[in-house]
C-alpha atoms as a PDB file:
ATOM      1  CA  MET A   1      -0.424   0.278  -0.466  1.00  0.00           C
ATOM      2  CA  ALA A   2       1.866   3.913  -0.853  1.00  0.00           C
ATOM      3  CA  ASN A   3       0.720   6.545   0.083  1.00  0.00           C
ATOM      4  CA  ILE A   4      -0.234   8.852  -2.854  1.00  0.00           C
ATOM      5  CA  LEU A   5      -0.660  12.341  -4.160  1.00  0.00           C
ATOM      6  CA  ILE A   6      -2.276  13.112  -7.187  1.00  0.00           C
ATOM      7  CA  VAL A   7      -1.895  17.017  -7.945  1.00  0.00           C
ATOM      8  CA  TYR A   8      -4.530  17.861 -11.008  1.00  0.00           C
ATOM      9  CA  SER A   9      -4.758  21.822 -12.916  1.00  0.00           C
ATOM     10  CA  THR A  10      -7.360  21.931 -14.987  1.00  0.00           C
ATOM     11  CA  VAL A  11      -9.289  24.913 -16.591  1.00  0.00           C
ATOM     12  CA  ASP A  12     -13.038  22.843 -16.990  1.00  0.00           C
ATOM     13  CA  GLY A  13     -13.037  20.050 -14.091  1.00  0.00           C
ATOM     14  CA  HIS A  14     -12.391  17.406 -16.643  1.00  0.00           C
ATOM     15  CA  THR A  15      -9.036  17.184 -15.430  1.00  0.00           C
ATOM     16  CA  HIS A  16     -10.246  16.990 -11.654  1.00  0.00           C
ATOM     17  CA  SER A  17     -12.800  14.303 -12.856  1.00  0.00           C
ATOM     18  CA  ILE A  18      -9.843  11.614 -14.501  1.00  0.00           C
ATOM     19  CA  SER A  19      -8.033  13.114 -11.452  1.00  0.00           C
ATOM     20  CA  LYS A  20     -11.200  11.458  -8.973  1.00  0.00           C
ATOM     21  CA  HIS A  21     -11.898   8.409 -11.066  1.00  0.00           C
ATOM     22  CA  LEU A  22      -7.155   7.275 -11.651  1.00  0.00           C
ATOM     23  CA  GLY A  23      -7.731   7.795  -7.349  1.00  0.00           C
ATOM     24  CA  ASP A  24     -10.539   5.814  -7.383  1.00  0.00           C
ATOM     25  CA  SER A  25      -8.748   2.578  -9.222  1.00  0.00           C
ATOM     26  CA  LEU A  26      -5.720   3.691  -7.163  1.00  0.00           C
ATOM     27  CA  ILE A  27      -8.048   3.229  -3.900  1.00  0.00           C
ATOM     28  CA  THR A  28      -9.707  -0.187  -5.107  1.00  0.00           C
ATOM     29  CA  CYS A  29      -5.927  -1.079  -5.358  1.00  0.00           C
ATOM     30  CA  GLY A  30      -5.645  -0.967  -1.893  1.00  0.00           C
ATOM     31  CA  ASP A  31      -3.637   3.162  -1.959  1.00  0.00           C
ATOM     32  CA  GLN A  32      -3.946   6.388  -0.388  1.00  0.00           C
ATOM     33  CA  ILE A  33      -4.778   9.077  -2.073  1.00  0.00           C
ATOM     34  CA  ARG A  34      -4.529  12.589  -1.267  1.00  0.00           C
ATOM     35  CA  LEU A  35      -6.429  14.883  -4.203  1.00  0.00           C
ATOM     36  CA  ALA A  36      -5.385  18.118  -4.333  1.00  0.00           C
ATOM     37  CA  SER A  37      -5.708  21.198  -6.520  1.00  0.00           C
ATOM     38  CA  VAL A  38      -1.892  22.690  -7.678  1.00  0.00           C
ATOM     39  CA  ASN A  39      -2.657  25.661  -5.507  1.00  0.00           C
ATOM     40  CA  GLU A  40      -3.584  23.903  -3.154  1.00  0.00           C
ATOM     41  CA  ILE A  41      -0.382  22.280  -2.382  1.00  0.00           C
ATOM     42  CA  PRO A  42       2.868  23.570  -0.330  1.00  0.00           C
ATOM     43  CA  ALA A  43       5.987  22.609  -1.363  1.00  0.00           C
ATOM     44  CA  THR A  44       7.171  20.844   1.717  1.00  0.00           C
ATOM     45  CA  ALA A  45       3.894  18.516   1.615  1.00  0.00           C
ATOM     46  CA  LEU A  46       5.059  15.814  -1.485  1.00  0.00           C
ATOM     47  CA  ASP A  47       7.953  14.945   1.122  1.00  0.00           C
ATOM     48  CA  GLU A  48       4.714  12.632   2.829  1.00  0.00           C
ATOM     49  CA  TYR A  49       4.027  11.341  -0.306  1.00  0.00           C
ATOM     50  CA  ASP A  50       5.585   7.691  -1.575  1.00  0.00           C
ATOM     51  CA  LYS A  51       4.300   8.331  -5.142  1.00  0.00           C
ATOM     52  CA  LEU A  52       3.064  12.148  -6.532  1.00  0.00           C
ATOM     53  CA  ILE A  53       1.214  11.772  -9.730  1.00  0.00           C
ATOM     54  CA  VAL A  54       0.722  15.386 -11.374  1.00  0.00           C
ATOM     55  CA  GLY A  55      -2.108  15.942 -14.017  1.00  0.00           C
ATOM     56  CA  ALA A  56      -2.733  18.397 -16.581  1.00  0.00           C
ATOM     57  CA  SER A  57      -5.502  20.193 -18.272  1.00  0.00           C
ATOM     58  CA  ILE A  58      -4.885  22.775 -22.140  1.00  0.00           C
ATOM     59  CA  ARG A  59      -6.264  24.431 -23.302  1.00  0.00           C
ATOM     60  CA  TYR A  60      -5.331  26.854 -26.324  1.00  0.00           C
ATOM     61  CA  GLY A  61      -2.153  24.450 -26.364  1.00  0.00           C
ATOM     62  CA  ASN A  62      -0.387  25.421 -23.390  1.00  0.00           C
ATOM     63  CA  TYR A  63      -0.825  24.236 -19.618  1.00  0.00           C
ATOM     64  CA  ARG A  64      -1.594  26.757 -16.639  1.00  0.00           C
ATOM     65  CA  PRO A  65       1.798  29.420 -15.892  1.00  0.00           C
ATOM     66  CA  GLU A  66       0.667  27.381 -11.796  1.00  0.00           C
ATOM     67  CA  LEU A  67       1.030  24.082 -13.431  1.00  0.00           C
ATOM     68  CA  VAL A  68       4.500  24.947 -15.082  1.00  0.00           C
ATOM     69  CA  SER A  69       5.882  26.569 -12.342  1.00  0.00           C
ATOM     70  CA  PHE A  70       4.676  23.540  -9.767  1.00  0.00           C
ATOM     71  CA  VAL A  71       6.890  21.255 -11.904  1.00  0.00           C
ATOM     72  CA  LYS A  72       9.968  23.537 -12.275  1.00  0.00           C
ATOM     73  CA  GLN A  73      10.118  24.747  -8.758  1.00  0.00           C
ATOM     74  CA  ARG A  74       9.838  20.883  -7.935  1.00  0.00           C
ATOM     75  CA  ALA A  75      11.784  19.045 -10.650  1.00  0.00           C
ATOM     76  CA  ASP A  76      14.033  17.378  -7.496  1.00  0.00           C
ATOM     77  CA  ILE A  77      11.686  16.127  -5.379  1.00  0.00           C
ATOM     78  CA  LEU A  78       9.404  14.109  -8.327  1.00  0.00           C
ATOM     79  CA  ASN A  79      12.421  13.483  -9.977  1.00  0.00           C
ATOM     80  CA  SER A  80      13.682  11.339  -6.095  1.00  0.00           C
ATOM     81  CA  LYS A  81       9.960   9.583  -6.414  1.00  0.00           C
ATOM     82  CA  PRO A  82       8.399   7.290  -8.340  1.00  0.00           C
ATOM     83  CA  SER A  83       6.002   9.548 -10.333  1.00  0.00           C
ATOM     84  CA  ALA A  84       3.874   9.829 -13.632  1.00  0.00           C
ATOM     85  CA  PHE A  85       2.747  12.897 -15.527  1.00  0.00           C
ATOM     86  CA  PHE A  86      -0.815  11.998 -17.523  1.00  0.00           C
ATOM     87  CA  THR A  87      -1.984  15.533 -19.890  1.00  0.00           C
ATOM     88  CA  VAL A  88      -6.069  16.245 -20.696  1.00  0.00           C
ATOM     89  CA  ASN A  89      -6.294  17.295 -24.017  1.00  0.00           C
ATOM     90  CA  LEU A  90      -8.492  17.561 -27.064  1.00  0.00           C
ATOM     91  CA  VAL A  91      -5.642  16.822 -29.500  1.00  0.00           C
ATOM     92  CA  ALA A  92      -5.560  13.413 -27.970  1.00  0.00           C
ATOM     93  CA  ARG A  93      -8.787  11.562 -29.486  1.00  0.00           C
ATOM     94  CA  LYS A  94      -6.663  11.736 -32.754  1.00  0.00           C
ATOM     95  CA  PRO A  95      -5.189   8.705 -33.131  1.00  0.00           C
ATOM     96  CA  GLY A  96      -1.163   9.790 -33.976  1.00  0.00           C
ATOM     97  CA  ARG A  97      -1.362  12.454 -30.821  1.00  0.00           C
ATOM     98  CA  ASN A  98      -2.812   9.991 -27.964  1.00  0.00           C
ATOM     99  CA  THR A  99       0.327   8.679 -26.097  1.00  0.00           C
ATOM    100  CA  PRO A 100       3.558   9.972 -25.073  1.00  0.00           C
ATOM    101  CA  GLU A 101       6.153   9.956 -28.262  1.00  0.00           C
ATOM    102  CA  THR A 102       3.256  11.047 -30.101  1.00  0.00           C
ATOM    103  CA  ASN A 103       1.197  14.251 -28.507  1.00  0.00           C
ATOM    104  CA  PRO A 104       2.600  17.600 -28.363  1.00  0.00           C
ATOM    105  CA  HIS A 105       1.781  18.575 -25.233  1.00  0.00           C
ATOM    106  CA  VAL A 106       3.796  16.152 -23.258  1.00  0.00           C
ATOM    107  CA  LYS A 107       7.024  16.132 -25.012  1.00  0.00           C
ATOM    108  CA  LYS A 108       7.025  20.220 -24.808  1.00  0.00           C
ATOM    109  CA  LEU A 109       6.291  19.998 -20.776  1.00  0.00           C
ATOM    110  CA  LEU A 110       9.418  18.052 -20.656  1.00  0.00           C
ATOM    111  CA  LEU A 111      11.407  19.936 -22.729  1.00  0.00           C
ATOM    112  CA  GLN A 112      11.012  22.833 -20.565  1.00  0.00           C
ATOM    113  CA  THR A 113      10.669  21.510 -17.293  1.00  0.00           C
ATOM    114  CA  SER A 114      13.394  18.926 -15.823  1.00  0.00           C
ATOM    115  CA  TRP A 115      10.882  16.844 -13.768  1.00  0.00           C
ATOM    116  CA  ARG A 116      11.439  13.095 -16.068  1.00  0.00           C
ATOM    117  CA  PRO A 117       7.858  11.104 -14.098  1.00  0.00           C
ATOM    118  CA  THR A 118       8.172   7.454 -14.137  1.00  0.00           C
ATOM    119  CA  GLU A 119       5.121   6.694 -16.010  1.00  0.00           C
ATOM    120  CA  VAL A 120       3.017   9.127 -18.835  1.00  0.00           C
ATOM    121  CA  ALA A 121      -0.261   9.030 -20.606  1.00  0.00           C
ATOM    122  CA  VAL A 122      -2.635  11.021 -22.666  1.00  0.00           C
ATOM    123  CA  PHE A 123      -6.194  11.366 -21.826  1.00  0.00           C
ATOM    124  CA  ALA A 124      -8.964  12.488 -24.435  1.00  0.00           C
ATOM    125  CA  GLY A 125     -10.769  15.824 -22.568  1.00  0.00           C
ATOM    126  CA  LYS A 126     -14.555  16.502 -22.951  1.00  0.00           C
ATOM    127  CA  LEU A 127     -15.824  19.086 -25.395  1.00  0.00           C
ATOM    128  CA  ASP A 128     -18.471  20.856 -23.026  1.00  0.00           C
ATOM    129  CA  TYR A 129     -19.450  23.703 -25.370  1.00  0.00           C
ATOM    130  CA  GLN A 130     -22.261  25.100 -22.891  1.00  0.00           C
ATOM    131  CA  ARG A 131     -20.219  25.009 -19.921  1.00  0.00           C
ATOM    132  CA  TYR A 132     -17.210  27.567 -21.698  1.00  0.00           C
ATOM    133  CA  GLN A 133     -17.823  31.721 -22.055  1.00  0.00           C
ATOM    134  CA  PHE A 134     -19.016  33.390 -25.164  1.00  0.00           C
ATOM    135  CA  LEU A 135     -15.303  33.896 -26.639  1.00  0.00           C
ATOM    136  CA  ASP A 136     -13.323  30.565 -25.200  1.00  0.00           C
ATOM    137  CA  ARG A 137     -17.144  28.782 -27.279  1.00  0.00           C
ATOM    138  CA  TRP A 138     -16.083  30.578 -30.753  1.00  0.00           C
ATOM    139  CA  VAL A 139     -12.207  29.761 -30.463  1.00  0.00           C
ATOM    140  CA  ILE A 140     -12.903  25.851 -28.965  1.00  0.00           C
ATOM    141  CA  ARG A 141     -15.650  25.396 -32.433  1.00  0.00           C
ATOM    142  CA  PHE A 142     -13.433  27.038 -35.128  1.00  0.00           C
ATOM    143  CA  ILE A 143     -10.403  24.869 -33.651  1.00  0.00           C
ATOM    144  CA  MET A 144     -12.994  22.111 -33.744  1.00  0.00           C
ATOM    145  CA  LEU A 145     -13.303  23.466 -37.439  1.00  0.00           C
ATOM    146  CA  VAL A 146     -10.568  23.106 -38.435  1.00  0.00           C
ATOM    147  CA  THR A 147      -9.286  20.095 -37.200  1.00  0.00           C
ATOM    148  CA  GLY A 148     -11.945  18.277 -37.692  1.00  0.00           C
ATOM    149  CA  GLY A 149     -14.363  17.969 -34.903  1.00  0.00           C
ATOM    150  CA  PRO A 150     -17.848  18.365 -33.494  1.00  0.00           C
ATOM    151  CA  THR A 151     -19.001  22.371 -33.728  1.00  0.00           C
ATOM    152  CA  ASP A 152     -22.525  21.693 -32.999  1.00  0.00           C
ATOM    153  CA  PRO A 153     -22.822  24.401 -29.779  1.00  0.00           C
ATOM    154  CA  ALA A 154     -24.451  22.304 -28.409  1.00  0.00           C
ATOM    155  CA  THR A 155     -22.325  19.074 -28.525  1.00  0.00           C
ATOM    156  CA  VAL A 156     -21.186  17.704 -25.338  1.00  0.00           C
ATOM    157  CA  GLN A 157     -18.779  15.156 -25.715  1.00  0.00           C
ATOM    158  CA  ASP A 158     -16.124  12.637 -22.967  1.00  0.00           C
ATOM    159  CA  PHE A 159     -13.677  11.605 -25.953  1.00  0.00           C
ATOM    160  CA  THR A 160     -12.128  10.461 -22.201  1.00  0.00           C
ATOM    161  CA  ASN A 161     -11.073   6.077 -22.174  1.00  0.00           C
ATOM    162  CA  TRP A 162     -11.447   5.628 -18.233  1.00  0.00           C
ATOM    163  CA  ARG A 163     -10.093   2.328 -19.014  1.00  0.00           C
ATOM    164  CA  LYS A 164      -7.496   3.855 -20.343  1.00  0.00           C
ATOM    165  CA  VAL A 165      -7.010   5.904 -17.032  1.00  0.00           C
ATOM    166  CA  GLU A 166      -7.875   2.747 -14.794  1.00  0.00           C
ATOM    167  CA  ALA A 167      -5.156   0.967 -17.129  1.00  0.00           C
ATOM    168  CA  PHE A 168      -2.649   3.900 -15.690  1.00  0.00           C
ATOM    169  CA  ALA A 169      -3.795   3.211 -12.675  1.00  0.00           C
ATOM    170  CA  THR A 170      -2.388  -0.252 -12.891  1.00  0.00           C
ATOM    171  CA  ARG A 171       0.411   0.955 -13.892  1.00  0.00           C
ATOM    172  CA  ILE A 172       0.956   3.486 -10.784  1.00  0.00           C
ATOM    173  CA  HIS A 173       0.284   1.239  -8.192  1.00  0.00           C
ATOM    174  CA  ASN A 174       3.257  -0.989  -9.829  1.00  0.00           C
ATOM    175  CA  LEU A 175       5.856   0.941  -9.433  1.00  0.00           C
END
């Protein structure tokens, strides 16, 4: 049984949902879980855990600045323990963009930081036009138009492969 911290950064809440599902899967494996937003974790808190997981969403091709700062400032502790990273983005809904080796956002973060997570996963996100602010709705619809995704403003579609999330939990449990 491991004591595991899951730190997440989310814009619209779906990364939190994935983090919770991941945590529930790890609890089923017998692990103890703490789930917290990247803004809630003091630097010293990471020492208390056996394994560390960071999950982050993408908006307009970028991670939130506080997530990048968190990883940069804590790379030493993240590298000193078994650690995992997962990204959540709509780009990952497409084959060829849904693995750590092919997803441009994973590559970008790992190039920006010295963190080398033990496990990495890429999960497709959720498209929910009704939750977005007016400008976000239009920009995301344009991006979906260009990339061949759904553009109907009534669309609510979860592209997440939940079995893949559970398989990631198993890999983390076995670290």
